[in-house]
Amino acid sequence: MNIKSTLEYIENIPFEEWLAFLEAKIATDIDFSRKLLNEISLNHYDESWRFNAIQLQIDHEILSADIRELIIAKETSHEILNLVQEHQ
């Protein structure tokens, strides 16, 4: 599974399934999960997707300092910026 095909797969599933899928991925393939969540956190068009991806990274302690800085540099949502800054 690659990032693009995984994003296509999870794009149209309900949030609960999305979350369960990502939690399972984190448990079984942390490196892929980190890359996937980084992609969502930095580049997804939907603010709620970015927020939830960042929250998962924070919860699982996989949000790196460089990704945190990239998010802070490019994010326009105050809610997301607050989330990231609260967990520095």
PDB file of N, CA and C in Angstrom:
ATOM      1  N   MET A   1       0.856  -1.178   0.000  1.00  0.00           N
ATOM      2  CA  MET A   1       0.000   0.000   0.000  1.00  0.00           C
ATOM      3  C   MET A   1       0.902   1.241   0.000  1.00  0.00           C
ATOM      4  N   ASN A   2       0.574   2.200  -0.851  1.00  0.00           N
ATOM      5  CA  ASN A   2       1.346   3.439  -0.849  1.00  0.00           C
ATOM      6  C   ASN A   2       0.476   4.589  -0.339  1.00  0.00           C
ATOM      7  N   ILE A   3       1.085   5.727  -0.148  1.00  0.00           N
ATOM      8  CA  ILE A   3       0.375   6.880   0.430  1.00  0.00           C
ATOM      9  C   ILE A   3      -0.818   7.274  -0.429  1.00  0.00           C
ATOM     10  N   LYS A   4      -0.607   7.402  -1.732  1.00  0.00           N
ATOM     11  CA  LYS A   4      -1.673   7.855  -2.620  1.00  0.00           C
ATOM     12  C   LYS A   4      -2.860   6.891  -2.604  1.00  0.00           C
ATOM     13  N   SER A   5      -2.615   5.611  -2.730  1.00  0.00           N
ATOM     14  CA  SER A   5      -3.724   4.651  -2.750  1.00  0.00           C
ATOM     15  C   SER A   5      -4.406   4.565  -1.387  1.00  0.00           C
ATOM     16  N   THR A   6      -3.647   4.726  -0.330  1.00  0.00           N
ATOM     17  CA  THR A   6      -4.241   4.715   1.010  1.00  0.00           C
ATOM     18  C   THR A   6      -5.138   5.926   1.203  1.00  0.00           C
ATOM     19  N   LEU A   7      -4.675   7.093   0.756  1.00  0.00           N
ATOM     20  CA  LEU A   7      -5.508   8.295   0.845  1.00  0.00           C
ATOM     21  C   LEU A   7      -6.794   8.138   0.043  1.00  0.00           C
ATOM     22  N   GLU A   8      -6.687   7.553  -1.132  1.00  0.00           N
ATOM     23  CA  GLU A   8      -7.879   7.306  -1.947  1.00  0.00           C
ATOM     24  C   GLU A   8      -8.844   6.366  -1.236  1.00  0.00           C
ATOM     25  N   TYR A   9      -8.292   5.341  -0.583  1.00  0.00           N
ATOM     26  CA  TYR A   9      -9.123   4.375   0.138  1.00  0.00           C
ATOM     27  C   TYR A   9      -9.864   5.034   1.298  1.00  0.00           C
ATOM     28  N   ILE A  10      -9.165   5.824   2.103  1.00  0.00           N
ATOM     29  CA  ILE A  10      -9.797   6.383   3.298  1.00  0.00           C
ATOM     30  C   ILE A  10     -10.591   7.658   3.033  1.00  0.00           C
ATOM     31  N   GLU A  11     -10.480   8.185   1.833  1.00  0.00           N
ATOM     32  CA  GLU A  11     -11.152   9.453   1.506  1.00  0.00           C
ATOM     33  C   GLU A  11     -12.672   9.398   1.698  1.00  0.00           C
ATOM     34  N   ASN A  12     -13.266   8.273   1.410  1.00  0.00           N
ATOM     35  CA  ASN A  12     -14.740   8.208   1.410  1.00  0.00           C
ATOM     36  C   ASN A  12     -15.332   7.295   2.477  1.00  0.00           C
ATOM     37  N   ILE A  13     -14.563   7.001   3.513  1.00  0.00           N
ATOM     38  CA  ILE A  13     -15.137   6.178   4.571  1.00  0.00           C
ATOM     39  C   ILE A  13     -15.532   7.063   5.749  1.00  0.00           C
ATOM     40  N   PRO A  14     -16.514   6.619   6.535  1.00  0.00           N
ATOM     41  CA  PRO A  14     -16.938   7.416   7.699  1.00  0.00           C
ATOM     42  C   PRO A  14     -15.787   7.614   8.692  1.00  0.00           C
ATOM     43  N   PHE A  15     -15.891   8.662   9.491  1.00  0.00           N
ATOM     44  CA  PHE A  15     -14.822   9.031  10.411  1.00  0.00           C
ATOM     45  C   PHE A  15     -14.423   7.877  11.342  1.00  0.00           C
ATOM     46  N   GLU A  16     -15.406   7.165  11.884  1.00  0.00           N
ATOM     47  CA  GLU A  16     -15.106   6.076  12.812  1.00  0.00           C
ATOM     48  C   GLU A  16     -14.247   5.001  12.145  1.00  0.00           C
ATOM     49  N   GLU A  17     -14.556   4.692  10.888  1.00  0.00           N
ATOM     50  CA  GLU A  17     -13.761   3.708  10.150  1.00  0.00           C
ATOM     51  C   GLU A  17     -12.388   4.281   9.803  1.00  0.00           C
ATOM     52  N   TRP A  18     -12.361   5.550   9.455  1.00  0.00           N
ATOM     53  CA  TRP A  18     -11.109   6.244   9.160  1.00  0.00           C
ATOM     54  C   TRP A  18     -10.180   6.154  10.362  1.00  0.00           C
ATOM     55  N   LEU A  19     -10.727   6.478  11.526  1.00  0.00           N
ATOM     56  CA  LEU A  19      -9.950   6.456  12.755  1.00  0.00           C
ATOM     57  C   LEU A  19      -9.486   5.039  13.095  1.00  0.00           C
ATOM     58  N   ALA A  20     -10.378   4.067  12.982  1.00  0.00           N
ATOM     59  CA  ALA A  20     -10.014   2.672  13.270  1.00  0.00           C
ATOM     60  C   ALA A  20      -8.926   2.189  12.316  1.00  0.00           C
ATOM     61  N   PHE A  21      -9.051   2.546  11.047  1.00  0.00           N
ATOM     62  CA  PHE A  21      -8.040   2.161  10.063  1.00  0.00           C
ATOM     63  C   PHE A  21      -6.677   2.733  10.443  1.00  0.00           C
ATOM     64  N   LEU A  22      -6.649   4.015  10.760  1.00  0.00           N
ATOM     65  CA  LEU A  22      -5.378   4.660  11.092  1.00  0.00           C
ATOM     66  C   LEU A  22      -4.801   4.142  12.404  1.00  0.00           C
ATOM     67  N   GLU A  23      -5.639   3.889  13.384  1.00  0.00           N
ATOM     68  CA  GLU A  23      -5.154   3.321  14.654  1.00  0.00           C
ATOM     69  C   GLU A  23      -4.522   1.953  14.406  1.00  0.00           C
ATOM     70  N   ALA A  24      -5.165   1.129  13.568  1.00  0.00           N
ATOM     71  CA  ALA A  24      -4.628  -0.197  13.251  1.00  0.00           C
ATOM     72  C   ALA A  24      -3.314  -0.071  12.485  1.00  0.00           C
ATOM     73  N   LYS A  25      -3.249   0.870  11.552  1.00  0.00           N
ATOM     74  CA  LYS A  25      -2.023   1.096  10.778  1.00  0.00           C
ATOM     75  C   LYS A  25      -0.879   1.524  11.699  1.00  0.00           C
ATOM     76  N   ILE A  26      -1.180   2.414  12.630  1.00  0.00           N
ATOM     77  CA  ILE A  26      -0.153   2.876  13.566  1.00  0.00           C
ATOM     78  C   ILE A  26       0.393   1.685  14.364  1.00  0.00           C
ATOM     79  N   ALA A  27      -0.506   0.789  14.772  1.00  0.00           N
ATOM     80  CA  ALA A  27      -0.097  -0.370  15.571  1.00  0.00           C
ATOM     81  C   ALA A  27       0.739  -1.369  14.780  1.00  0.00           C
ATOM     82  N   THR A  28       0.542  -1.410  13.456  1.00  0.00           N
ATOM     83  CA  THR A  28       1.221  -2.434  12.663  1.00  0.00           C
ATOM     84  C   THR A  28       2.349  -1.905  11.775  1.00  0.00           C
ATOM     85  N   ASP A  29       2.311  -0.623  11.440  1.00  0.00           N
ATOM     86  CA  ASP A  29       3.333  -0.066  10.545  1.00  0.00           C
ATOM     87  C   ASP A  29       3.546   1.411  10.866  1.00  0.00           C
ATOM     88  N   ILE A  30       4.308   1.649  11.889  1.00  0.00           N
ATOM     89  CA  ILE A  30       4.492   3.013  12.389  1.00  0.00           C
ATOM     90  C   ILE A  30       5.168   3.923  11.367  1.00  0.00           C
ATOM     91  N   ASP A  31       6.131   3.406  10.614  1.00  0.00           N
ATOM     92  CA  ASP A  31       6.827   4.254   9.634  1.00  0.00           C
ATOM     93  C   ASP A  31       5.882   4.715   8.528  1.00  0.00           C
ATOM     94  N   PHE A  32       5.098   3.792   7.979  1.00  0.00           N
ATOM     95  CA  PHE A  32       4.128   4.160   6.953  1.00  0.00           C
ATOM     96  C   PHE A  32       3.091   5.116   7.531  1.00  0.00           C
ATOM     97  N   SER A  33       2.638   4.835   8.740  1.00  0.00           N
ATOM     98  CA  SER A  33       1.625   5.683   9.380  1.00  0.00           C
ATOM     99  C   SER A  33       2.134   7.101   9.567  1.00  0.00           C
ATOM    100  N   ARG A  34       3.374   7.222   9.974  1.00  0.00           N
ATOM    101  CA  ARG A  34       3.962   8.553  10.155  1.00  0.00           C
ATOM    102  C   ARG A  34       3.975   9.312   8.828  1.00  0.00           C
ATOM    103  N   LYS A  35       4.384   8.641   7.760  1.00  0.00           N
ATOM    104  CA  LYS A  35       4.412   9.288   6.442  1.00  0.00           C
ATOM    105  C   LYS A  35       3.007   9.681   5.991  1.00  0.00           C
ATOM    106  N   LEU A  36       2.055   8.781   6.189  1.00  0.00           N
ATOM    107  CA  LEU A  36       0.672   9.054   5.802  1.00  0.00           C
ATOM    108  C   LEU A  36       0.105  10.227   6.596  1.00  0.00           C
ATOM    109  N   LEU A  37       0.288  10.207   7.896  1.00  0.00           N
ATOM    110  CA  LEU A  37      -0.232  11.289   8.733  1.00  0.00           C
ATOM    111  C   LEU A  37       0.483  12.610   8.460  1.00  0.00           C
ATOM    112  N   ASN A  38       1.770  12.553   8.150  1.00  0.00           N
ATOM    113  CA  ASN A  38       2.482  13.777   7.767  1.00  0.00           C
ATOM    114  C   ASN A  38       1.874  14.364   6.497  1.00  0.00           C
ATOM    115  N   GLU A  39       1.606  13.508   5.524  1.00  0.00           N
ATOM    116  CA  GLU A  39       1.004  13.977   4.263  1.00  0.00           C
ATOM    117  C   GLU A  39      -0.343  14.644   4.528  1.00  0.00           C
ATOM    118  N   ILE A  40      -1.165  14.006   5.328  1.00  0.00           N
ATOM    119  CA  ILE A  40      -2.483  14.580   5.642  1.00  0.00           C
ATOM    120  C   ILE A  40      -2.318  15.882   6.412  1.00  0.00           C
ATOM    121  N   SER A  41      -1.475  15.866   7.427  1.00  0.00           N
ATOM    122  CA  SER A  41      -1.287  17.040   8.290  1.00  0.00           C
ATOM    123  C   SER A  41      -0.799  18.267   7.533  1.00  0.00           C
ATOM    124  N   LEU A  42       0.026  18.031   6.543  1.00  0.00           N
ATOM    125  CA  LEU A  42       0.627  19.146   5.812  1.00  0.00           C
ATOM    126  C   LEU A  42      -0.132  19.547   4.553  1.00  0.00           C
ATOM    127  N   ASN A  43      -0.815  18.592   3.912  1.00  0.00           N
ATOM    128  CA  ASN A  43      -1.302  18.869   2.562  1.00  0.00           C
ATOM    129  C   ASN A  43      -2.773  18.611   2.290  1.00  0.00           C
ATOM    130  N   HIS A  44      -3.492  18.037   3.221  1.00  0.00           N
ATOM    131  CA  HIS A  44      -4.890  17.746   2.916  1.00  0.00           C
ATOM    132  C   HIS A  44      -5.687  19.048   2.861  1.00  0.00           C
ATOM    133  N   TYR A  45      -6.613  19.116   1.913  1.00  0.00           N
ATOM    134  CA  TYR A  45      -7.411  20.334   1.729  1.00  0.00           C
ATOM    135  C   TYR A  45      -8.414  20.557   2.858  1.00  0.00           C
ATOM    136  N   ASP A  46      -8.791  19.490   3.563  1.00  0.00           N
ATOM    137  CA  ASP A  46      -9.835  19.576   4.585  1.00  0.00           C
ATOM    138  C   ASP A  46      -9.207  19.824   5.961  1.00  0.00           C
ATOM    139  N   GLU A  47      -9.607  20.915   6.575  1.00  0.00           N
ATOM    140  CA  GLU A  47      -9.072  21.309   7.878  1.00  0.00           C
ATOM    141  C   GLU A  47      -9.318  20.244   8.947  1.00  0.00           C
ATOM    142  N   SER A  48     -10.483  19.612   8.931  1.00  0.00           N
ATOM    143  CA  SER A  48     -10.766  18.600   9.952  1.00  0.00           C
ATOM    144  C   SER A  48      -9.867  17.377   9.785  1.00  0.00           C
ATOM    145  N   TRP A  49      -9.537  17.032   8.542  1.00  0.00           N
ATOM    146  CA  TRP A  49      -8.595  15.930   8.303  1.00  0.00           C
ATOM    147  C   TRP A  49      -7.235  16.280   8.889  1.00  0.00           C
ATOM    148  N   ARG A  50      -6.784  17.503   8.620  1.00  0.00           N
ATOM    149  CA  ARG A  50      -5.479  17.912   9.136  1.00  0.00           C
ATOM    150  C   ARG A  50      -5.475  17.883  10.664  1.00  0.00           C
ATOM    151  N   PHE A  51      -6.527  18.427  11.258  1.00  0.00           N
ATOM    152  CA  PHE A  51      -6.629  18.454  12.717  1.00  0.00           C
ATOM    153  C   PHE A  51      -6.578  17.040  13.290  1.00  0.00           C
ATOM    154  N   ASN A  52      -7.390  16.146  12.746  1.00  0.00           N
ATOM    155  CA  ASN A  52      -7.453  14.776  13.264  1.00  0.00           C
ATOM    156  C   ASN A  52      -6.138  14.028  13.061  1.00  0.00           C
ATOM    157  N   ALA A  53      -5.487  14.245  11.945  1.00  0.00           N
ATOM    158  CA  ALA A  53      -4.193  13.598  11.697  1.00  0.00           C
ATOM    159  C   ALA A  53      -3.147  14.090  12.699  1.00  0.00           C
ATOM    160  N   ILE A  54      -3.142  15.378  12.949  1.00  0.00           N
ATOM    161  CA  ILE A  54      -2.196  15.939  13.917  1.00  0.00           C
ATOM    162  C   ILE A  54      -2.505  15.425  15.316  1.00  0.00           C
ATOM    163  N   GLN A  55      -3.782  15.349  15.656  1.00  0.00           N
ATOM    164  CA  GLN A  55      -4.166  14.830  16.968  1.00  0.00           C
ATOM    165  C   GLN A  55      -3.692  13.388  17.142  1.00  0.00           C
ATOM    166  N   LEU A  56      -3.840  12.569  16.108  1.00  0.00           N
ATOM    167  CA  LEU A  56      -3.339  11.195  16.176  1.00  0.00           C
ATOM    168  C   LEU A  56      -1.828  11.167  16.373  1.00  0.00           C
ATOM    169  N   GLN A  57      -1.121  12.020  15.648  1.00  0.00           N
ATOM    170  CA  GLN A  57       0.333  12.070  15.800  1.00  0.00           C
ATOM    171  C   GLN A  57       0.726  12.472  17.223  1.00  0.00           C
ATOM    172  N   ILE A  58       0.018  13.414  17.774  1.00  0.00           N
ATOM    173  CA  ILE A  58       0.287  13.852  19.147  1.00  0.00           C
ATOM    174  C   ILE A  58      -0.028  12.704  20.113  1.00  0.00           C
ATOM    175  N   ASP A  59      -1.184  12.095  19.959  1.00  0.00           N
ATOM    176  CA  ASP A  59      -1.599  11.014  20.855  1.00  0.00           C
ATOM    177  C   ASP A  59      -0.617   9.846  20.852  1.00  0.00           C
ATOM    178  N   HIS A  60      -0.038   9.566  19.689  1.00  0.00           N
ATOM    179  CA  HIS A  60       0.887   8.427  19.562  1.00  0.00           C
ATOM    180  C   HIS A  60       2.356   8.856  19.612  1.00  0.00           C
ATOM    181  N   GLU A  61       2.559  10.143  19.915  1.00  0.00           N
ATOM    182  CA  GLU A  61       3.899  10.702  20.073  1.00  0.00           C
ATOM    183  C   GLU A  61       4.779  10.460  18.843  1.00  0.00           C
ATOM    184  N   ILE A  62       4.189  10.707  17.669  1.00  0.00           N
ATOM    185  CA  ILE A  62       4.939  10.537  16.422  1.00  0.00           C
ATOM    186  C   ILE A  62       4.986  11.818  15.587  1.00  0.00           C
ATOM    187  N   LEU A  63       4.665  12.935  16.204  1.00  0.00           N
ATOM    188  CA  LEU A  63       4.761  14.221  15.509  1.00  0.00           C
ATOM    189  C   LEU A  63       6.172  14.761  15.720  1.00  0.00           C
ATOM    190  N   SER A  64       6.968  14.737  14.661  1.00  0.00           N
ATOM    191  CA  SER A  64       8.357  15.181  14.778  1.00  0.00           C
ATOM    192  C   SER A  64       8.436  16.706  14.863  1.00  0.00           C
ATOM    193  N   ALA A  65       9.542  17.173  15.375  1.00  0.00           N
ATOM    194  CA  ALA A  65       9.761  18.619  15.499  1.00  0.00           C
ATOM    195  C   ALA A  65       9.770  19.289  14.132  1.00  0.00           C
ATOM    196  N   ASP A  66      10.369  18.624  13.106  1.00  0.00           N
ATOM    197  CA  ASP A  66      10.402  19.275  11.778  1.00  0.00           C
ATOM    198  C   ASP A  66       9.008  19.381  11.164  1.00  0.00           C
ATOM    199  N   ILE A  67       8.184  18.350  11.344  1.00  0.00           N
ATOM    200  CA  ILE A  67       6.813  18.413  10.807  1.00  0.00           C
ATOM    201  C   ILE A  67       6.015  19.453  11.588  1.00  0.00           C
ATOM    202  N   ARG A  68       6.215  19.508  12.886  1.00  0.00           N
ATOM    203  CA  ARG A  68       5.535  20.523  13.705  1.00  0.00           C
ATOM    204  C   ARG A  68       5.872  21.923  13.187  1.00  0.00           C
ATOM    205  N   GLU A  69       7.131  22.170  12.892  1.00  0.00           N
ATOM    206  CA  GLU A  69       7.547  23.480  12.395  1.00  0.00           C
ATOM    207  C   GLU A  69       6.967  23.771  11.009  1.00  0.00           C
ATOM    208  N   LEU A  70       6.912  22.764  10.153  1.00  0.00           N
ATOM    209  CA  LEU A  70       6.294  22.951   8.830  1.00  0.00           C
ATOM    210  C   LEU A  70       4.810  23.273   8.960  1.00  0.00           C
ATOM    211  N   ILE A  71       4.141  22.589   9.859  1.00  0.00           N
ATOM    212  CA  ILE A  71       2.711  22.860  10.087  1.00  0.00           C
ATOM    213  C   ILE A  71       2.536  24.303  10.546  1.00  0.00           C
ATOM    214  N   ILE A  72       3.326  24.703  11.524  1.00  0.00           N
ATOM    215  CA  ILE A  72       3.221  26.071  12.051  1.00  0.00           C
ATOM    216  C   ILE A  72       3.491  27.100  10.951  1.00  0.00           C
ATOM    217  N   ALA A  73       4.423  26.807  10.069  1.00  0.00           N
ATOM    218  CA  ALA A  73       4.783  27.758   9.010  1.00  0.00           C
ATOM    219  C   ALA A  73       3.705  27.907   7.952  1.00  0.00           C
ATOM    220  N   LYS A  74       2.940  26.827   7.679  1.00  0.00           N
ATOM    221  CA  LYS A  74       2.007  26.916   6.561  1.00  0.00           C
ATOM    222  C   LYS A  74       0.529  26.867   6.935  1.00  0.00           C
ATOM    223  N   GLU A  75       0.216  26.496   8.165  1.00  0.00           N
ATOM    224  CA  GLU A  75      -1.183  26.322   8.554  1.00  0.00           C
ATOM    225  C   GLU A  75      -1.879  27.668   8.740  1.00  0.00           C
ATOM    226  N   THR A  76      -3.139  27.739   8.307  1.00  0.00           N
ATOM    227  CA  THR A  76      -3.924  28.967   8.460  1.00  0.00           C
ATOM    228  C   THR A  76      -5.027  28.833   9.515  1.00  0.00           C
ATOM    229  N   SER A  77      -5.319  27.615   9.931  1.00  0.00           N
ATOM    230  CA  SER A  77      -6.367  27.389  10.925  1.00  0.00           C
ATOM    231  C   SER A  77      -5.841  27.689  12.326  1.00  0.00           C
ATOM    232  N   HIS A  78      -6.516  28.588  13.018  1.00  0.00           N
ATOM    233  CA  HIS A  78      -6.114  28.927  14.386  1.00  0.00           C
ATOM    234  C   HIS A  78      -6.292  27.736  15.317  1.00  0.00           C
ATOM    235  N   GLU A  79      -7.322  26.947  15.079  1.00  0.00           N
ATOM    236  CA  GLU A  79      -7.576  25.768  15.908  1.00  0.00           C
ATOM    237  C   GLU A  79      -6.421  24.764  15.793  1.00  0.00           C
ATOM    238  N   ILE A  80      -5.955  24.544  14.581  1.00  0.00           N
ATOM    239  CA  ILE A  80      -4.839  23.618  14.368  1.00  0.00           C
ATOM    240  C   ILE A  80      -3.549  24.197  14.947  1.00  0.00           C
ATOM    241  N   LEU A  81      -3.309  25.467  14.717  1.00  0.00           N
ATOM    242  CA  LEU A  81      -2.114  26.090  15.285  1.00  0.00           C
ATOM    243  C   LEU A  81      -2.112  26.001  16.804  1.00  0.00           C
ATOM    244  N   ASN A  82      -3.257  26.224  17.419  1.00  0.00           N
ATOM    245  CA  ASN A  82      -3.360  26.100  18.876  1.00  0.00           C
ATOM    246  C   ASN A  82      -3.066  24.678  19.322  1.00  0.00           C
ATOM    247  N   LEU A  83      -3.609  23.691  18.609  1.00  0.00           N
ATOM    248  CA  LEU A  83      -3.366  22.292  18.945  1.00  0.00           C
ATOM    249  C   LEU A  83      -1.874  21.980  18.919  1.00  0.00           C
ATOM    250  N   VAL A  84      -1.211  22.379  17.853  1.00  0.00           N
ATOM    251  CA  VAL A  84       0.219  22.094  17.682  1.00  0.00           C
ATOM    252  C   VAL A  84       1.031  22.819  18.746  1.00  0.00           C
ATOM    253  N   GLN A  85       0.710  24.064  19.002  1.00  0.00           N
ATOM    254  CA  GLN A  85       1.488  24.843  19.963  1.00  0.00           C
ATOM    255  C   GLN A  85       1.270  24.383  21.395  1.00  0.00           C
ATOM    256  N   GLU A  86       0.079  23.865  21.700  1.00  0.00           N
ATOM    257  CA  GLU A  86      -0.200  23.342  23.046  1.00  0.00           C
ATOM    258  C   GLU A  86       0.638  22.110  23.354  1.00  0.00           C
ATOM    259  N   HIS A  87       1.075  21.408  22.331  1.00  0.00           N
ATOM    260  CA  HIS A  87       1.767  20.134  22.526  1.00  0.00           C
ATOM    261  C   HIS A  87       3.217  20.181  22.071  1.00  0.00           C
ATOM    262  N   GLN A  88       3.843  21.323  22.268  1.00  0.00           N
ATOM    263  CA  GLN A  88       5.271  21.436  21.911  1.00  0.00           C
ATOM    264  C   GLN A  88       6.121  20.894  23.029  1.00  0.00           C
TER     265      GLN A  88
END
